[in-house]
Amino acid sequence: MRPRVIRVRQRGPRLLWALIYIDLMTQIMIFFVILWTVERRDAALERPRLGMGVGMGDQTVRMVDLPSDILFGSGKAELGAEGREVFQKLFGDPASGVLDFDQGGLARRKLAIHGHTDDVGKKEDNFLLGYQRAWNVYQEIRKYSGELADHVVICTHADNTPARAVPPVQDRQGEEERAAVAAARAANRRITIEDVVVGVKPAEAAAENGAGGGK
């Protein structure tokens, strides 16, 4: 029995060091797995942040789509009476705070106005029409805020970001197919107003506060 006891004592330290080595390697692998997971998570969080809403700012607080058919005449960029009434209801009450852009220094609030059209006509013409409509919407909202010009972004999309996919248009279509195409195009003709918040680094906020205090 004694030789067996001696062999166990001799193998004991080797076995212990082997277990320690295996445990150490396991811990290192776990560390790198966690590090890789965190990096993948951060990368995944960055992409949606850039793509939220229509893609402006760090965070979309709210967003509303307004049908162009209500705001404008067919193919026109001038707001009609019904369109002006819509914006009066949305922005006409100063107590609502909708056009209050003060975020306390660590964030900037912006209002992004996006003009969208359907896919009918030339792309270049639709880009211009989308911009003209967004511009006229800005001019209308500006009536209710003297500081809007410092906080607005005006964009045109033409038909590049449709709200609804337009079914393929064929030479011979039934009434139901034509109605589906018309409904999709009507949904795509719209003005999107996006309320976005852009984060400000503390150093930038301090610099702005210092510049403001010196005036």
Protein backbone atom coordinates (compact mmCIF):
# COMPACT_ATOMS: atom_id res chain seq x y z
CA MET A 1 0.00 0.00 0.00
CA ARG A 2 2.90 2.38 0.74
CA PRO A 3 4.19 2.70 -2.87
CA ARG A 4 0.71 3.64 -4.03
CA VAL A 5 0.57 6.42 -1.43
CA ILE A 6 3.93 7.75 -2.61
CA ARG A 7 2.76 7.87 -6.23
CA VAL A 8 -0.37 9.81 -5.29
CA ARG A 9 1.73 12.38 -3.44
CA GLN A 10 4.02 12.75 -6.42
CA ARG A 11 1.17 13.25 -8.87
CA GLY A 12 -0.74 15.57 -6.57
CA PRO A 13 1.18 18.80 -7.36
CA ARG A 14 1.19 18.04 -11.07
CA LEU A 15 -2.53 17.44 -11.04
CA LEU A 16 -3.06 20.62 -9.04
CA TRP A 17 -1.02 22.71 -11.47
CA ALA A 18 -2.87 21.14 -14.39
CA LEU A 19 -6.20 22.09 -12.84
CA ILE A 20 -4.95 25.61 -12.16
CA TYR A 21 -3.75 25.94 -15.76
CA ILE A 22 -7.05 24.68 -17.17
CA ASP A 23 -8.98 27.04 -14.89
CA LEU A 24 -6.77 29.97 -15.93
CA MET A 25 -7.24 29.26 -19.63
CA THR A 26 -10.98 28.94 -19.08
CA GLN A 27 -11.08 32.31 -17.36
CA ILE A 28 -9.10 33.91 -20.22
CA MET A 29 -11.49 32.42 -22.80
CA ILE A 30 -14.49 33.66 -20.83
CA PHE A 31 -12.91 37.13 -20.67
CA PHE A 32 -12.45 37.30 -24.44
CA VAL A 33 -15.95 35.95 -25.05
CA ILE A 34 -17.39 38.68 -22.82
CA LEU A 35 -15.24 41.33 -24.52
CA TRP A 36 -16.36 40.14 -27.97
CA THR A 37 -20.02 40.12 -26.84
CA VAL A 38 -19.76 43.69 -25.50
CA GLU A 39 -18.17 44.92 -28.73
CA ARG A 40 -20.85 43.24 -30.81
CA ARG A 41 -23.55 44.73 -28.58
CA ASP A 42 -22.10 48.24 -28.88
CA ALA A 43 -21.86 47.90 -32.65
CA ALA A 44 -25.45 46.68 -32.80
CA LEU A 45 -26.61 49.62 -30.69
CA GLU A 46 -24.82 52.16 -32.88
CA ARG A 47 -26.53 51.14 -36.12
CA PRO A 48 -30.15 51.58 -34.97
CA ARG A 49 -29.22 54.86 -33.31
CA LEU A 50 -28.11 56.22 -36.65
CA GLY A 51 -31.11 54.82 -38.41
CA MET A 52 -33.91 55.77 -36.05
CA GLY A 53 -36.88 57.46 -37.63
CA VAL A 54 -35.69 58.90 -40.93
CA GLY A 55 -32.09 59.00 -39.79
CA MET A 56 -31.52 62.40 -38.15
CA GLY A 57 -29.93 62.85 -34.74
CA ASP A 58 -29.27 60.46 -31.88
CA GLN A 59 -32.87 59.84 -30.88
CA THR A 60 -36.24 60.42 -32.49
CA VAL A 61 -38.57 61.67 -29.78
CA ARG A 62 -41.66 61.76 -31.97
CA MET A 63 -42.50 61.67 -35.64
CA VAL A 64 -45.66 62.42 -37.57
CA ASP A 65 -46.59 61.81 -41.20
CA LEU A 66 -48.94 64.33 -42.80
CA PRO A 67 -50.55 63.36 -46.12
CA SER A 68 -49.53 65.76 -48.87
CA ASP A 69 -52.96 65.43 -50.44
CA ILE A 70 -54.40 67.28 -47.43
CA LEU A 71 -51.69 69.94 -47.31
CA PHE A 72 -51.16 70.66 -51.01
CA GLY A 73 -52.97 70.57 -54.30
CA SER A 74 -52.04 67.87 -56.82
CA GLY A 75 -48.47 68.54 -58.02
CA LYS A 76 -48.36 71.85 -56.13
CA ALA A 77 -46.02 73.10 -53.43
CA GLU A 78 -48.16 75.90 -51.96
CA LEU A 79 -50.04 75.12 -48.78
CA GLY A 80 -53.80 75.32 -49.04
CA ALA A 81 -56.17 76.65 -46.39
CA GLU A 82 -56.69 73.15 -44.98
CA GLY A 83 -52.93 72.65 -44.73
CA ARG A 84 -52.42 75.93 -42.86
CA GLU A 85 -55.15 74.92 -40.44
CA VAL A 86 -53.34 71.65 -39.74
CA PHE A 87 -50.15 73.47 -38.72
CA GLN A 88 -52.07 76.00 -36.69
CA LYS A 89 -53.49 73.12 -34.64
CA LEU A 90 -50.09 71.44 -34.29
CA PHE A 91 -47.95 74.48 -33.46
CA GLY A 92 -50.28 77.40 -32.73
CA ASP A 93 -50.48 76.97 -28.96
CA PRO A 94 -47.38 78.50 -27.28
CA ALA A 95 -48.23 76.79 -23.99
CA SER A 96 -47.84 73.33 -25.54
CA GLY A 97 -44.04 73.65 -25.61
CA VAL A 98 -43.85 71.94 -29.01
CA LEU A 99 -41.51 74.64 -30.29
CA ASP A 100 -39.49 75.03 -27.08
CA PHE A 101 -35.95 73.99 -28.04
CA ASP A 102 -34.19 74.48 -24.68
CA GLN A 103 -32.77 71.09 -23.58
CA GLY A 104 -30.65 72.24 -20.66
CA GLY A 105 -27.23 72.29 -22.33
CA LEU A 106 -26.44 68.59 -22.71
CA ALA A 107 -28.62 68.04 -25.77
CA ARG A 108 -29.83 69.90 -28.81
CA ARG A 109 -33.37 69.51 -30.06
CA LYS A 110 -34.03 69.82 -33.77
CA LEU A 111 -37.08 69.69 -36.00
CA ALA A 112 -36.47 67.81 -39.24
CA ILE A 113 -38.96 68.39 -42.07
CA HIS A 114 -38.91 65.73 -44.80
CA GLY A 115 -40.66 66.10 -48.15
CA HIS A 116 -41.71 62.85 -49.88
CA THR A 117 -43.38 62.31 -53.25
CA ASP A 118 -44.75 59.35 -55.17
CA ASP A 119 -42.92 57.65 -58.05
CA VAL A 120 -44.79 59.41 -60.84
CA GLY A 121 -42.72 61.76 -63.01
CA LYS A 122 -39.01 62.46 -63.25
CA LYS A 123 -36.87 61.85 -60.21
CA GLU A 124 -35.26 65.31 -60.45
CA ASP A 125 -38.66 67.01 -60.52
CA ASN A 126 -39.79 64.99 -57.52
CA PHE A 127 -36.68 65.94 -55.56
CA LEU A 128 -37.45 69.60 -56.22
CA LEU A 129 -41.14 69.20 -55.38
CA GLY A 130 -40.29 67.41 -52.12
CA TYR A 131 -37.95 70.22 -51.11
CA GLN A 132 -40.36 72.99 -52.07
CA ARG A 133 -43.12 71.40 -50.01
CA ALA A 134 -40.82 70.91 -47.01
CA TRP A 135 -39.65 74.53 -47.37
CA ASN A 136 -43.19 75.87 -47.40
CA VAL A 137 -44.02 73.77 -44.35
CA TYR A 138 -41.02 75.33 -42.60
CA GLN A 139 -42.22 78.82 -43.55
CA GLU A 140 -45.63 78.02 -42.07
CA ILE A 141 -44.26 76.63 -38.79
CA ARG A 142 -41.89 79.58 -38.55
CA LYS A 143 -44.91 81.82 -37.95
CA TYR A 144 -45.18 80.22 -34.51
CA SER A 145 -41.51 80.28 -33.47
CA GLY A 146 -38.89 82.96 -33.92
CA GLU A 147 -36.06 80.53 -33.05
CA LEU A 148 -37.04 77.76 -35.47
CA ALA A 149 -34.44 78.77 -38.07
CA ASP A 150 -31.62 77.78 -35.68
CA HIS A 151 -33.10 74.33 -35.03
CA VAL A 152 -34.58 73.10 -38.29
CA VAL A 153 -33.35 70.60 -40.90
CA ILE A 154 -35.10 70.53 -44.30
CA CYS A 155 -34.80 67.39 -46.45
CA THR A 156 -36.19 66.04 -49.69
CA HIS A 157 -36.52 62.32 -50.44
CA ALA A 158 -38.57 62.24 -53.66
CA ASP A 159 -39.83 58.62 -53.75
CA ASN A 160 -36.66 57.04 -52.30
CA THR A 161 -38.13 56.33 -48.84
CA PRO A 162 -41.70 55.18 -49.51
CA ALA A 163 -44.06 54.51 -46.64
CA ARG A 164 -45.70 51.75 -48.65
CA ALA A 165 -44.37 49.63 -51.48
CA VAL A 166 -46.11 50.34 -54.80
CA PRO A 167 -47.39 47.17 -56.50
CA PRO A 168 -45.95 46.52 -59.97
CA VAL A 169 -47.81 48.52 -62.60
CA GLN A 170 -48.91 46.39 -65.56
CA ASP A 171 -50.45 47.30 -68.88
CA ARG A 172 -53.71 45.59 -68.04
CA GLN A 173 -54.86 45.99 -64.48
CA GLY A 174 -58.20 45.43 -62.89
CA GLU A 175 -59.97 47.94 -60.70
CA GLU A 176 -58.63 46.34 -57.53
CA GLU A 177 -55.00 46.50 -58.71
CA ARG A 178 -55.36 50.13 -59.79
CA ALA A 179 -56.85 51.00 -56.41
CA ALA A 180 -53.92 49.34 -54.62
CA VAL A 181 -51.39 51.32 -56.68
CA ALA A 182 -53.27 54.58 -56.07
CA ALA A 183 -53.48 53.92 -52.33
CA ALA A 184 -49.75 53.19 -52.08
CA ARG A 185 -48.82 56.32 -54.00
CA ALA A 186 -51.14 58.42 -51.84
CA ALA A 187 -49.46 57.05 -48.70
CA ASN A 188 -46.03 57.94 -50.11
CA ARG A 189 -46.96 61.57 -50.84
CA ARG A 190 -46.40 63.01 -47.41
CA ILE A 191 -44.57 65.44 -45.16
CA THR A 192 -42.73 63.87 -42.24
CA ILE A 193 -41.98 66.05 -39.23
CA GLU A 194 -39.37 64.45 -37.00
CA ASP A 195 -38.56 65.74 -33.52
CA VAL A 196 -34.98 64.67 -32.81
CA VAL A 197 -32.53 65.13 -29.95
CA VAL A 198 -28.80 65.31 -30.63
CA GLY A 199 -26.46 64.61 -27.72
CA VAL A 200 -23.81 67.21 -26.81
CA LYS A 201 -20.49 66.28 -25.21
CA PRO A 202 -19.94 67.91 -21.79
CA ALA A 203 -16.91 69.83 -23.11
CA GLU A 204 -18.97 71.28 -25.96
CA ALA A 205 -21.78 72.20 -23.59
CA ALA A 206 -19.31 73.96 -21.26
CA ALA A 207 -17.81 75.87 -24.19
CA GLU A 208 -21.26 76.96 -25.34
CA ASN A 209 -22.22 78.10 -21.85
CA GLY A 210 -18.97 80.02 -21.57
CA ALA A 211 -19.51 81.70 -24.91
CA GLY A 212 -23.06 82.54 -23.95
CA GLY A 213 -22.01 84.01 -20.63
CA GLY A 214 -19.57 86.40 -22.31
CA LYS A 215 -22.20 88.11 -24.43
